[in-house]
Amino acid sequence: MPLYPVPDLTPREAARWAERSGLPLPADRHDAVAATAQHIHSVVSVLRELDFGDTPPAASYRAGEMSDAAV
């Protein structure tokens, strides 16, 4: 759960941030983009709560190597 409440992204804010990113949106896309961004934010906020304490960083992963872990 976030440390503080995050207000929903409004269509106007979505358009503003898209414009700042160099991705101007047609007016008829503002609502859909705001809703999609809000959904992505809600999913990511859940992922931030996961404890990865003993998980090694991705840089230590070696593709193709077998581990001793049982499946």
Protein backbone atom coordinates (compact mmCIF):
# COMPACT_ATOMS: atom_id res chain seq x y z
CA MET A 1 0.00 0.00 0.00
CA PRO A 2 1.40 3.45 -0.84
CA LEU A 3 2.69 5.59 1.99
CA TYR A 4 0.29 8.33 0.94
CA PRO A 5 -2.88 8.39 -1.16
CA VAL A 6 -2.26 8.99 -4.85
CA PRO A 7 -5.04 10.84 -6.64
CA ASP A 8 -6.36 9.43 -9.90
CA LEU A 9 -4.75 10.71 -13.08
CA THR A 10 -7.17 13.00 -14.88
CA PRO A 11 -7.51 12.98 -18.67
CA ARG A 12 -6.12 16.52 -18.74
CA GLU A 13 -3.05 15.46 -16.73
CA ALA A 14 -2.54 12.44 -18.99
CA ALA A 15 -2.57 14.70 -22.03
CA ARG A 16 -0.13 17.09 -20.36
CA TRP A 17 2.33 14.32 -19.44
CA ALA A 18 2.08 12.78 -22.89
CA GLU A 19 2.83 16.16 -24.44
CA ARG A 20 5.82 16.62 -22.11
CA SER A 21 7.09 13.21 -23.25
CA GLY A 22 6.85 14.20 -26.90
CA LEU A 23 3.74 12.09 -27.53
CA PRO A 24 0.90 14.50 -28.19
CA LEU A 25 -2.51 12.81 -27.89
CA PRO A 26 -5.62 13.53 -29.90
CA ALA A 27 -8.41 14.80 -27.63
CA ASP A 28 -10.48 11.65 -28.08
CA ARG A 29 -7.66 9.54 -26.51
CA HIS A 30 -7.24 11.46 -23.23
CA ASP A 31 -9.83 9.45 -21.27
CA ALA A 32 -8.54 6.06 -22.44
CA VAL A 33 -4.90 6.94 -21.77
CA ALA A 34 -5.70 8.25 -18.29
CA ALA A 35 -7.65 5.08 -17.45
CA THR A 36 -4.87 2.83 -18.78
CA ALA A 37 -2.18 4.73 -16.88
CA GLN A 38 -4.27 4.51 -13.71
CA HIS A 39 -4.62 0.75 -14.14
CA ILE A 40 -0.88 0.30 -14.73
CA HIS A 41 -0.16 2.38 -11.62
CA SER A 42 -2.47 0.20 -9.51
CA VAL A 43 -0.74 -3.00 -10.72
CA VAL A 44 2.75 -1.62 -10.15
CA SER A 45 1.83 -0.42 -6.66
CA VAL A 46 0.89 -4.02 -5.76
CA LEU A 47 4.21 -5.29 -7.14
CA ARG A 48 6.10 -2.78 -4.99
CA GLU A 49 4.75 -4.54 -1.89
CA LEU A 50 6.46 -7.85 -2.76
CA ASP A 51 9.48 -8.84 -0.70
CA PHE A 52 12.42 -9.78 -2.93
CA GLY A 53 14.92 -9.78 -0.07
CA ASP A 54 16.76 -13.02 -0.99
CA THR A 55 16.30 -12.73 -4.74
CA PRO A 56 19.56 -11.98 -6.55
CA PRO A 57 19.58 -9.09 -9.01
CA ALA A 58 18.89 -9.92 -12.66
CA ALA A 59 22.52 -9.13 -13.54
CA SER A 60 23.59 -12.29 -11.68
CA TYR A 61 21.33 -14.54 -13.82
CA ARG A 62 23.11 -16.67 -16.40
CA ALA A 63 20.92 -17.97 -19.21
CA GLY A 64 21.41 -21.63 -19.94
CA GLU A 65 23.01 -22.52 -16.61
CA MET A 66 21.34 -25.19 -14.54
CA SER A 67 20.79 -24.62 -10.86
CA ASP A 68 20.56 -27.19 -8.06
CA ALA A 69 16.96 -26.21 -7.31
CA ALA A 70 14.35 -28.94 -7.57
CA VAL A 71 11.33 -28.25 -9.73
